[in-house]
PDB file of all heavy atoms in Angstrom:
ATOM      1  N   HIS A   1       0.836  -1.200   0.000  1.00  0.00           N
ATOM      2  CA  HIS A   1       0.000   0.000   0.000  1.00  0.00           C
ATOM      3  C   HIS A   1       0.880   1.264   0.000  1.00  0.00           C
ATOM      4  O   HIS A   1       2.018   1.256   0.488  1.00  0.00           O
ATOM      5  CB  HIS A   1      -0.928   0.022   1.209  1.00  0.00           C
ATOM      6  CG  HIS A   1      -2.068  -0.938   1.121  1.00  0.00           C
ATOM      7  ND1 HIS A   1      -1.984  -2.248   1.520  1.00  0.00           N
ATOM      8  CD2 HIS A   1      -3.336  -0.779   0.653  1.00  0.00           C
ATOM      9  CE1 HIS A   1      -3.136  -2.863   1.323  1.00  0.00           C
ATOM     10  NE2 HIS A   1      -3.984  -1.984   0.783  1.00  0.00           N
ATOM     11  N   THR A   2       0.296   2.349  -0.514  1.00  0.00           N
ATOM     12  CA  THR A   2       0.945   3.655  -0.500  1.00  0.00           C
ATOM     13  C   THR A   2      -0.020   4.670   0.116  1.00  0.00           C
ATOM     14  O   THR A   2      -1.184   4.742  -0.300  1.00  0.00           O
ATOM     15  CB  THR A   2       1.320   4.111  -1.920  1.00  0.00           C
ATOM     16  OG1 THR A   2       2.245   3.173  -2.475  1.00  0.00           O
ATOM     17  CG2 THR A   2       1.964   5.482  -1.906  1.00  0.00           C
ATOM     18  N   LEU A   3       0.460   5.407   1.083  1.00  0.00           N
ATOM     19  CA  LEU A   3      -0.367   6.418   1.753  1.00  0.00           C
ATOM     20  C   LEU A   3       0.317   7.774   1.625  1.00  0.00           C
ATOM     21  O   LEU A   3       1.551   7.877   1.771  1.00  0.00           O
ATOM     22  CB  LEU A   3      -0.551   6.077   3.234  1.00  0.00           C
ATOM     23  CG  LEU A   3      -1.256   4.751   3.560  1.00  0.00           C
ATOM     24  CD1 LEU A   3      -1.271   4.525   5.067  1.00  0.00           C
ATOM     25  CD2 LEU A   3      -2.673   4.763   3.008  1.00  0.00           C
ATOM     26  N   THR A   4      -0.501   8.801   1.380  1.00  0.00           N
ATOM     27  CA  THR A   4       0.048  10.151   1.176  1.00  0.00           C
ATOM     28  C   THR A   4      -0.701  11.158   2.035  1.00  0.00           C
ATOM     29  O   THR A   4      -1.930  11.102   2.153  1.00  0.00           O
ATOM     30  CB  THR A   4      -0.059  10.568  -0.304  1.00  0.00           C
ATOM     31  OG1 THR A   4       0.722   9.671  -1.103  1.00  0.00           O
ATOM     32  CG2 THR A   4       0.455  11.983  -0.507  1.00  0.00           C
ATOM     33  N   GLU A   5       0.043  12.068   2.612  1.00  0.00           N
ATOM     34  CA  GLU A   5      -0.534  13.203   3.328  1.00  0.00           C
ATOM     35  C   GLU A   5       0.115  14.477   2.808  1.00  0.00           C
ATOM     36  O   GLU A   5       1.344  14.578   2.741  1.00  0.00           O
ATOM     37  CB  GLU A   5      -0.296  13.095   4.839  1.00  0.00           C
ATOM     38  CG  GLU A   5      -1.127  12.041   5.524  1.00  0.00           C
ATOM     39  CD  GLU A   5      -2.611  12.388   5.610  1.00  0.00           C
ATOM     40  OE1 GLU A   5      -2.957  13.564   5.342  1.00  0.00           O
ATOM     41  OE2 GLU A   5      -3.404  11.492   5.932  1.00  0.00           O
ATOM     42  N   ARG A   6      -0.717  15.434   2.422  1.00  0.00           N
ATOM     43  CA  ARG A   6      -0.221  16.716   1.919  1.00  0.00           C
ATOM     44  C   ARG A   6      -0.645  17.827   2.874  1.00  0.00           C
ATOM     45  O   ARG A   6      -1.819  17.907   3.262  1.00  0.00           O
ATOM     46  CB  ARG A   6      -0.754  16.997   0.516  1.00  0.00           C
ATOM     47  CG  ARG A   6      -0.240  18.296  -0.095  1.00  0.00           C
ATOM     48  CD  ARG A   6      -0.726  18.494  -1.516  1.00  0.00           C
ATOM     49  NE  ARG A   6      -0.060  17.610  -2.454  1.00  0.00           N
ATOM     50  CZ  ARG A   6       1.123  17.885  -3.019  1.00  0.00           C
ATOM     51  NH1 ARG A   6       1.774  18.995  -2.693  1.00  0.00           N
ATOM     52  NH2 ARG A   6       1.644  17.040  -3.879  1.00  0.00           N
ATOM     53  N   ILE A   7       0.304  18.677   3.243  1.00  0.00           N
ATOM     54  CA  ILE A   7       0.040  19.815   4.126  1.00  0.00           C
ATOM     55  C   ILE A   7       0.364  21.090   3.356  1.00  0.00           C
ATOM     56  O   ILE A   7       1.526  21.354   3.030  1.00  0.00           O
ATOM     57  CB  ILE A   7       0.901  19.745   5.409  1.00  0.00           C
ATOM     58  CG1 ILE A   7       0.693  18.420   6.139  1.00  0.00           C
ATOM     59  CG2 ILE A   7       0.591  20.939   6.314  1.00  0.00           C
ATOM     60  CD1 ILE A   7      -0.679  18.223   6.729  1.00  0.00           C
ATOM     61  N   ASP A   8      -0.660  21.887   3.060  1.00  0.00           N
ATOM     62  CA  ASP A   8      -0.458  23.126   2.318  1.00  0.00           C
ATOM     63  C   ASP A   8      -0.397  24.355   3.216  1.00  0.00           C
ATOM     64  O   ASP A   8       0.150  25.385   2.817  1.00  0.00           O
ATOM     65  CB  ASP A   8      -1.583  23.323   1.301  1.00  0.00           C
ATOM     66  CG  ASP A   8      -1.498  22.341   0.137  1.00  0.00           C
ATOM     67  OD1 ASP A   8      -0.406  21.775  -0.092  1.00  0.00           O
ATOM     68  OD2 ASP A   8      -2.529  22.135  -0.535  1.00  0.00           O
ATOM     69  N   VAL A   9      -0.980  24.269   4.417  1.00  0.00           N
ATOM     70  CA  VAL A   9      -1.073  25.426   5.315  1.00  0.00           C
ATOM     71  C   VAL A   9      -0.434  25.061   6.647  1.00  0.00           C
ATOM     72  O   VAL A   9      -0.845  24.098   7.304  1.00  0.00           O
ATOM     73  CB  VAL A   9      -2.540  25.852   5.532  1.00  0.00           C
ATOM     74  CG1 VAL A   9      -2.618  27.021   6.509  1.00  0.00           C
ATOM     75  CG2 VAL A   9      -3.178  26.233   4.201  1.00  0.00           C
ATOM     76  N   ASN A  10       0.568  25.836   7.063  1.00  0.00           N
ATOM     77  CA  ASN A  10       1.283  25.550   8.309  1.00  0.00           C
ATOM     78  C   ASN A  10       0.469  25.906   9.543  1.00  0.00           C
ATOM     79  O   ASN A  10      -0.303  26.877   9.532  1.00  0.00           O
ATOM     80  CB  ASN A  10       2.592  26.334   8.364  1.00  0.00           C
ATOM     81  CG  ASN A  10       3.546  25.947   7.260  1.00  0.00           C
ATOM     82  OD1 ASN A  10       3.644  26.633   6.256  1.00  0.00           O
ATOM     83  ND2 ASN A  10       4.243  24.847   7.441  1.00  0.00           N
ATOM     84  N   ARG A  11       0.671  25.136  10.600  1.00  0.00           N
ATOM     85  CA  ARG A  11       0.110  25.495  11.907  1.00  0.00           C
ATOM     86  C   ARG A  11       0.798  26.755  12.431  1.00  0.00           C
ATOM     87  O   ARG A  11       1.971  26.984  12.185  1.00  0.00           O
ATOM     88  CB  ARG A  11       0.333  24.370  12.924  1.00  0.00           C
ATOM     89  CG  ARG A  11      -0.478  23.126  12.676  1.00  0.00           C
ATOM     90  CD  ARG A  11      -0.142  22.071  13.725  1.00  0.00           C
ATOM     91  NE  ARG A  11      -0.648  22.425  15.050  1.00  0.00           N
ATOM     92  CZ  ARG A  11      -0.252  21.845  16.175  1.00  0.00           C
ATOM     93  NH1 ARG A  11       0.674  20.902  16.156  1.00  0.00           N
ATOM     94  NH2 ARG A  11      -0.776  22.194  17.323  1.00  0.00           N
ATOM     95  N   GLY A  12       0.033  27.563  13.166  1.00  0.00           N
ATOM     96  CA  GLY A  12       0.605  28.727  13.843  1.00  0.00           C
ATOM     97  C   GLY A  12       0.409  30.036  13.135  1.00  0.00           C
ATOM     98  O   GLY A  12       0.715  31.097  13.695  1.00  0.00           O
ATOM     99  N   GLY A  13      -0.086  30.003  11.881  1.00  0.00           N
ATOM    100  CA  GLY A  13      -0.324  31.233  11.135  1.00  0.00           C
ATOM    101  C   GLY A  13      -1.784  31.632  11.144  1.00  0.00           C
ATOM    102  O   GLY A  13      -2.630  30.932  11.725  1.00  0.00           O
ATOM    103  N   PRO A  14      -2.123  32.743  10.508  1.00  0.00           N
ATOM    104  CA  PRO A  14      -3.509  33.247  10.538  1.00  0.00           C
ATOM    105  C   PRO A  14      -4.533  32.249  10.023  1.00  0.00           C
ATOM    106  O   PRO A  14      -5.666  32.211  10.507  1.00  0.00           O
ATOM    107  CB  PRO A  14      -3.447  34.489   9.643  1.00  0.00           C
ATOM    108  CG  PRO A  14      -2.018  34.900   9.647  1.00  0.00           C
ATOM    109  CD  PRO A  14      -1.221  33.644   9.763  1.00  0.00           C
ATOM    110  N   ALA A  15      -4.155  31.418   9.039  1.00  0.00           N
ATOM    111  CA  ALA A  15      -5.108  30.464   8.464  1.00  0.00           C
ATOM    112  C   ALA A  15      -5.230  29.179   9.277  1.00  0.00           C
ATOM    113  O   ALA A  15      -6.161  28.403   9.061  1.00  0.00           O
ATOM    114  CB  ALA A  15      -4.703  30.120   7.029  1.00  0.00           C
ATOM    115  N   ASN A  16      -4.319  28.951  10.200  1.00  0.00           N
ATOM    116  CA  ASN A  16      -4.349  27.755  11.042  1.00  0.00           C
ATOM    117  C   ASN A  16      -3.660  28.076  12.367  1.00  0.00           C
ATOM    118  O   ASN A  16      -2.615  27.516  12.694  1.00  0.00           O
ATOM    119  CB  ASN A  16      -3.637  26.597  10.329  1.00  0.00           C
ATOM    120  CG  ASN A  16      -3.810  25.265  11.040  1.00  0.00           C
ATOM    121  OD1 ASN A  16      -4.631  25.116  11.938  1.00  0.00           O
ATOM    122  ND2 ASN A  16      -3.019  24.282  10.643  1.00  0.00           N
ATOM    123  N   PRO A  17      -4.234  28.985  13.153  1.00  0.00           N
ATOM    124  CA  PRO A  17      -3.528  29.527  14.323  1.00  0.00           C
ATOM    125  C   PRO A  17      -3.424  28.543  15.477  1.00  0.00           C
ATOM    126  O   PRO A  17      -4.231  27.617  15.610  1.00  0.00           O
ATOM    127  CB  PRO A  17      -4.386  30.727  14.713  1.00  0.00           C
ATOM    128  CG  PRO A  17      -5.765  30.372  14.241  1.00  0.00           C
ATOM    129  CD  PRO A  17      -5.564  29.596  12.965  1.00  0.00           C
ATOM    130  N   LEU A  18      -2.393  28.771  16.296  1.00  0.00           N
ATOM    131  CA  LEU A  18      -2.337  28.084  17.582  1.00  0.00           C
ATOM    132  C   LEU A  18      -3.338  28.757  18.517  1.00  0.00           C
ATOM    133  O   LEU A  18      -3.438  29.983  18.559  1.00  0.00           O
ATOM    134  CB  LEU A  18      -0.933  28.168  18.189  1.00  0.00           C
ATOM    135  CG  LEU A  18       0.196  27.476  17.428  1.00  0.00           C
ATOM    136  CD1 LEU A  18       1.510  27.603  18.206  1.00  0.00           C
ATOM    137  CD2 LEU A  18      -0.117  26.014  17.173  1.00  0.00           C
ATOM    138  N   SER A  19      -4.061  27.965  19.273  1.00  0.00           N
ATOM    139  CA  SER A  19      -5.036  28.509  20.210  1.00  0.00           C
ATOM    140  C   SER A  19      -4.320  29.135  21.401  1.00  0.00           C
ATOM    141  O   SER A  19      -3.116  28.927  21.619  1.00  0.00           O
ATOM    142  CB  SER A  19      -5.971  27.405  20.699  1.00  0.00           C
ATOM    143  OG  SER A  19      -5.247  26.479  21.511  1.00  0.00           O
ATOM    144  N   ALA A  20      -5.064  29.892  22.185  1.00  0.00           N
ATOM    145  CA  ALA A  20      -4.500  30.469  23.410  1.00  0.00           C
ATOM    146  C   ALA A  20      -3.995  29.367  24.334  1.00  0.00           C
ATOM    147  O   ALA A  20      -2.946  29.508  24.975  1.00  0.00           O
ATOM    148  CB  ALA A  20      -5.549  31.322  24.115  1.00  0.00           C
ATOM    149  N   ASP A  21      -4.715  28.263  24.401  1.00  0.00           N
ATOM    150  CA  ASP A  21      -4.285  27.142  25.237  1.00  0.00           C
ATOM    151  C   ASP A  21      -2.991  26.522  24.715  1.00  0.00           C
ATOM    152  O   ASP A  21      -2.115  26.134  25.499  1.00  0.00           O
ATOM    153  CB  ASP A  21      -5.382  26.070  25.298  1.00  0.00           C
ATOM    154  CG  ASP A  21      -6.554  26.463  26.186  1.00  0.00           C
ATOM    155  OD1 ASP A  21      -6.395  27.419  26.981  1.00  0.00           O
ATOM    156  OD2 ASP A  21      -7.621  25.828  26.073  1.00  0.00           O
ATOM    157  N   GLU A  22      -2.856  26.431  23.399  1.00  0.00           N
ATOM    158  CA  GLU A  22      -1.627  25.869  22.826  1.00  0.00           C
ATOM    159  C   GLU A  22      -0.435  26.788  23.078  1.00  0.00           C
ATOM    160  O   GLU A  22       0.672  26.316  23.389  1.00  0.00           O
ATOM    161  CB  GLU A  22      -1.816  25.622  21.325  1.00  0.00           C
ATOM    162  CG  GLU A  22      -2.703  24.421  21.023  1.00  0.00           C
ATOM    163  CD  GLU A  22      -2.988  24.276  19.556  1.00  0.00           C
ATOM    164  OE1 GLU A  22      -3.240  25.297  18.877  1.00  0.00           O
ATOM    165  OE2 GLU A  22      -2.983  23.130  19.064  1.00  0.00           O
ATOM    166  N   LEU A  23      -0.639  28.108  22.967  1.00  0.00           N
ATOM    167  CA  LEU A  23       0.437  29.038  23.275  1.00  0.00           C
ATOM    168  C   LEU A  23       0.817  28.964  24.753  1.00  0.00           C
ATOM    169  O   LEU A  23       2.001  29.018  25.102  1.00  0.00           O
ATOM    170  CB  LEU A  23       0.030  30.465  22.910  1.00  0.00           C
ATOM    171  CG  LEU A  23       0.006  30.797  21.411  1.00  0.00           C
ATOM    172  CD1 LEU A  23      -0.608  32.174  21.193  1.00  0.00           C
ATOM    173  CD2 LEU A  23       1.409  30.737  20.825  1.00  0.00           C
ATOM    174  N   ALA A  24      -0.186  28.824  25.617  1.00  0.00           N
ATOM    175  CA  ALA A  24       0.088  28.691  27.043  1.00  0.00           C
ATOM    176  C   ALA A  24       0.830  27.391  27.343  1.00  0.00           C
ATOM    177  O   ALA A  24       1.748  27.356  28.174  1.00  0.00           O
ATOM    178  CB  ALA A  24      -1.218  28.755  27.844  1.00  0.00           C
ATOM    179  N   THR A  25       0.453  26.318  26.654  1.00  0.00           N
ATOM    180  CA  THR A  25       1.139  25.031  26.831  1.00  0.00           C
ATOM    181  C   THR A  25       2.584  25.137  26.376  1.00  0.00           C
ATOM    182  O   THR A  25       3.499  24.627  27.040  1.00  0.00           O
ATOM    183  CB  THR A  25       0.414  23.933  26.045  1.00  0.00           C
ATOM    184  OG1 THR A  25      -0.894  23.772  26.578  1.00  0.00           O
ATOM    185  CG2 THR A  25       1.165  22.602  26.139  1.00  0.00           C
ATOM    186  N   LYS A  26       2.803  25.781  25.255  1.00  0.00           N
ATOM    187  CA  LYS A  26       4.177  25.964  24.766  1.00  0.00           C
ATOM    188  C   LYS A  26       5.012  26.720  25.789  1.00  0.00           C
ATOM    189  O   LYS A  26       6.144  26.313  26.101  1.00  0.00           O
ATOM    190  CB  LYS A  26       4.151  26.717  23.437  1.00  0.00           C
ATOM    191  CG  LYS A  26       5.529  27.014  22.876  1.00  0.00           C
ATOM    192  CD  LYS A  26       5.468  27.797  21.565  1.00  0.00           C
ATOM    193  CE  LYS A  26       6.868  28.194  21.097  1.00  0.00           C
ATOM    194  NZ  LYS A  26       6.852  28.953  19.828  1.00  0.00           N
ATOM    195  N   PHE A  27       4.486  27.803  26.351  1.00  0.00           N
ATOM    196  CA  PHE A  27       5.228  28.571  27.346  1.00  0.00           C
ATOM    197  C   PHE A  27       5.492  27.737  28.594  1.00  0.00           C
ATOM    198  O   PHE A  27       6.609  27.716  29.117  1.00  0.00           O
ATOM    199  CB  PHE A  27       4.467  29.847  27.712  1.00  0.00           C
ATOM    200  CG  PHE A  27       5.168  30.670  28.760  1.00  0.00           C
ATOM    201  CD1 PHE A  27       6.274  31.430  28.430  1.00  0.00           C
ATOM    202  CD2 PHE A  27       4.728  30.649  30.076  1.00  0.00           C
ATOM    203  CE1 PHE A  27       6.937  32.176  29.408  1.00  0.00           C
ATOM    204  CE2 PHE A  27       5.381  31.385  31.058  1.00  0.00           C
ATOM    205  CZ  PHE A  27       6.484  32.159  30.724  1.00  0.00           C
ATOM    206  N   ARG A  28       4.480  27.026  29.063  1.00  0.00           N
ATOM    207  CA  ARG A  28       4.642  26.223  30.274  1.00  0.00           C
ATOM    208  C   ARG A  28       5.701  25.141  30.083  1.00  0.00           C
ATOM    209  O   ARG A  28       6.566  24.941  30.947  1.00  0.00           O
ATOM    210  CB  ARG A  28       3.302  25.590  30.668  1.00  0.00           C
ATOM    211  CG  ARG A  28       3.380  24.654  31.873  1.00  0.00           C
ATOM    212  CD  ARG A  28       2.017  24.110  32.253  1.00  0.00           C
ATOM    213  NE  ARG A  28       1.355  23.436  31.148  1.00  0.00           N
ATOM    214  CZ  ARG A  28       1.641  22.197  30.745  1.00  0.00           C
ATOM    215  NH1 ARG A  28       2.599  21.498  31.362  1.00  0.00           N
ATOM    216  NH2 ARG A  28       0.978  21.648  29.746  1.00  0.00           N
ATOM    217  N   LEU A  29       5.671  24.456  28.956  1.00  0.00           N
ATOM    218  CA  LEU A  29       6.655  23.404  28.706  1.00  0.00           C
ATOM    219  C   LEU A  29       8.053  23.982  28.516  1.00  0.00           C
ATOM    220  O   LEU A  29       9.050  23.376  28.924  1.00  0.00           O
ATOM    221  CB  LEU A  29       6.246  22.590  27.484  1.00  0.00           C
ATOM    222  CG  LEU A  29       4.977  21.748  27.637  1.00  0.00           C
ATOM    223  CD1 LEU A  29       4.598  21.107  26.305  1.00  0.00           C
ATOM    224  CD2 LEU A  29       5.161  20.677  28.715  1.00  0.00           C
ATOM    225  N   ASN A  30       8.139  25.143  27.903  1.00  0.00           N
ATOM    226  CA  ASN A  30       9.438  25.791  27.718  1.00  0.00           C
ATOM    227  C   ASN A  30      10.082  26.184  29.034  1.00  0.00           C
ATOM    228  O   ASN A  30      11.316  26.231  29.138  1.00  0.00           O
ATOM    229  CB  ASN A  30       9.283  27.042  26.847  1.00  0.00           C
ATOM    230  CG  ASN A  30       9.517  26.783  25.385  1.00  0.00           C
ATOM    231  OD1 ASN A  30      10.252  25.875  25.013  1.00  0.00           O
ATOM    232  ND2 ASN A  30       8.903  27.580  24.528  1.00  0.00           N
ATOM    233  N   THR A  31       9.265  26.503  30.025  1.00  0.00           N
ATOM    234  CA  THR A  31       9.789  27.052  31.284  1.00  0.00           C
ATOM    235  C   THR A  31       9.700  26.084  32.454  1.00  0.00           C
ATOM    236  O   THR A  31       9.995  26.463  33.581  1.00  0.00           O
ATOM    237  CB  THR A  31       9.018  28.337  31.655  1.00  0.00           C
ATOM    238  OG1 THR A  31       7.627  28.040  31.814  1.00  0.00           O
ATOM    239  CG2 THR A  31       9.167  29.398  30.576  1.00  0.00           C
ATOM    240  N   GLU A  32       9.327  24.824  32.190  1.00  0.00           N
ATOM    241  CA  GLU A  32       9.035  23.929  33.311  1.00  0.00           C
ATOM    242  C   GLU A  32      10.253  23.610  34.168  1.00  0.00           C
ATOM    243  O   GLU A  32      10.100  23.192  35.324  1.00  0.00           O
ATOM    244  CB  GLU A  32       8.386  22.635  32.808  1.00  0.00           C
ATOM    245  CG  GLU A  32       9.247  21.801  31.892  1.00  0.00           C
ATOM    246  CD  GLU A  32       8.506  20.570  31.397  1.00  0.00           C
ATOM    247  OE1 GLU A  32       7.370  20.338  31.860  1.00  0.00           O
ATOM    248  OE2 GLU A  32       9.042  19.867  30.525  1.00  0.00           O
ATOM    249  N   SER A  33      11.468  23.798  33.676  1.00  0.00           N
ATOM    250  CA  SER A  33      12.645  23.519  34.499  1.00  0.00           C
ATOM    251  C   SER A  33      12.881  24.593  35.549  1.00  0.00           C
ATOM    252  O   SER A  33      13.601  24.356  36.531  1.00  0.00           O
ATOM    253  CB  SER A  33      13.892  23.390  33.616  1.00  0.00           C
ATOM    254  OG  SER A  33      14.190  24.619  32.981  1.00  0.00           O
TER     255      SER A  33
END
């Protein structure tokens, strides 16, 4: 079998934004030490 996935729009931009919760999670994980 052959499977394909195409991604035309990146996460994090205006057309596919990170949510407030995702931004908060990123900050929390970045600073957890």
